[in-house]
Amino acid sequence: MLHVIFVSFVFSMIFGHAPIILPALLGVAALMFYATRCAQVGMLQQRTGNGGSNR
């Protein structure tokens, strides 16, 4: 059980820091990577029906 907790912690750290590390490894401008991520989040909000409104 303890192993599962440590593995999940490691994976959460990898995925949490990927938006910072991945552009550096790929040699891509971080601004372009950020814009792509914002577009993906916007599409996800539209698909779930939230659309960005808090009503």
C-alpha atoms as a PDB file:
ATOM      1  CA  MET A   1       0.000   0.000   0.000  1.00  0.00           C
ATOM      2  CA  LEU A   2       2.820   2.386   0.822  1.00  0.00           C
ATOM      3  CA  HIS A   3       4.337   1.733  -2.605  1.00  0.00           C
ATOM      4  CA  VAL A   4       1.106   2.867  -4.288  1.00  0.00           C
ATOM      5  CA  ILE A   5       1.160   6.159  -2.393  1.00  0.00           C
ATOM      6  CA  PHE A   6       4.758   6.894  -3.394  1.00  0.00           C
ATOM      7  CA  VAL A   7       4.190   5.938  -7.039  1.00  0.00           C
ATOM      8  CA  SER A   8       1.096   8.143  -7.241  1.00  0.00           C
ATOM      9  CA  PHE A   9       3.051  11.018  -5.698  1.00  0.00           C
ATOM     10  CA  VAL A  10       5.829  10.635  -8.276  1.00  0.00           C
ATOM     11  CA  PHE A  11       3.371  10.539 -11.175  1.00  0.00           C
ATOM     12  CA  SER A  12       1.523  13.598  -9.871  1.00  0.00           C
ATOM     13  CA  MET A  13       4.819  15.492  -9.686  1.00  0.00           C
ATOM     14  CA  ILE A  14       5.707  14.438 -13.237  1.00  0.00           C
ATOM     15  CA  PHE A  15       2.350  15.536 -14.659  1.00  0.00           C
ATOM     16  CA  GLY A  16       2.294  18.688 -12.532  1.00  0.00           C
ATOM     17  CA  HIS A  17       5.675  19.882 -13.775  1.00  0.00           C
ATOM     18  CA  ALA A  18       5.305  18.702 -17.377  1.00  0.00           C
ATOM     19  CA  PRO A  19       4.028  22.082 -18.680  1.00  0.00           C
ATOM     20  CA  ILE A  20       7.299  23.634 -17.502  1.00  0.00           C
ATOM     21  CA  ILE A  21       9.743  20.867 -18.396  1.00  0.00           C
ATOM     22  CA  LEU A  22       8.281  19.635 -21.694  1.00  0.00           C
ATOM     23  CA  PRO A  23       8.771  22.878 -23.705  1.00  0.00           C
ATOM     24  CA  ALA A  24      12.368  23.059 -22.490  1.00  0.00           C
ATOM     25  CA  LEU A  25      13.072  19.490 -23.568  1.00  0.00           C
ATOM     26  CA  LEU A  26      11.391  19.903 -26.945  1.00  0.00           C
ATOM     27  CA  GLY A  27      12.930  23.306 -27.637  1.00  0.00           C
ATOM     28  CA  VAL A  28       9.487  24.826 -28.163  1.00  0.00           C
ATOM     29  CA  ALA A  29       8.657  28.346 -27.077  1.00  0.00           C
ATOM     30  CA  ALA A  30       6.855  28.187 -23.743  1.00  0.00           C
ATOM     31  CA  LEU A  31       4.345  30.811 -24.889  1.00  0.00           C
ATOM     32  CA  MET A  32       3.211  28.631 -27.790  1.00  0.00           C
ATOM     33  CA  PHE A  33       2.884  25.633 -25.458  1.00  0.00           C
ATOM     34  CA  TYR A  34       0.848  27.745 -23.020  1.00  0.00           C
ATOM     35  CA  ALA A  35      -1.497  28.939 -25.769  1.00  0.00           C
ATOM     36  CA  THR A  36      -2.077  25.353 -26.874  1.00  0.00           C
ATOM     37  CA  ARG A  37      -2.878  24.325 -23.304  1.00  0.00           C
ATOM     38  CA  CYS A  38      -5.350  27.204 -22.907  1.00  0.00           C
ATOM     39  CA  ALA A  39      -7.099  26.171 -26.111  1.00  0.00           C
ATOM     40  CA  GLN A  40      -7.419  22.605 -24.835  1.00  0.00           C
ATOM     41  CA  VAL A  41      -8.877  23.773 -21.519  1.00  0.00           C
ATOM     42  CA  GLY A  42     -11.359  26.006 -23.363  1.00  0.00           C
ATOM     43  CA  MET A  43     -12.524  23.124 -25.542  1.00  0.00           C
ATOM     44  CA  LEU A  44     -12.905  20.951 -22.449  1.00  0.00           C
ATOM     45  CA  GLN A  45     -15.075  23.580 -20.770  1.00  0.00           C
ATOM     46  CA  GLN A  46     -17.317  23.846 -23.817  1.00  0.00           C
ATOM     47  CA  ARG A  47     -17.654  20.093 -24.049  1.00  0.00           C
ATOM     48  CA  THR A  48     -18.642  19.740 -20.404  1.00  0.00           C
ATOM     49  CA  GLY A  49     -21.258  22.435 -20.807  1.00  0.00           C
ATOM     50  CA  ASN A  50     -19.683  24.971 -18.475  1.00  0.00           C
ATOM     51  CA  GLY A  51     -18.653  27.370 -21.235  1.00  0.00           C
ATOM     52  CA  GLY A  52     -16.822  29.578 -18.761  1.00  0.00           C
ATOM     53  CA  SER A  53     -19.917  30.935 -16.994  1.00  0.00           C
ATOM     54  CA  ASN A  54     -20.472  30.530 -13.280  1.00  0.00           C
ATOM     55  CA  ARG A  55     -24.263  30.579 -13.431  1.00  0.00           C
END
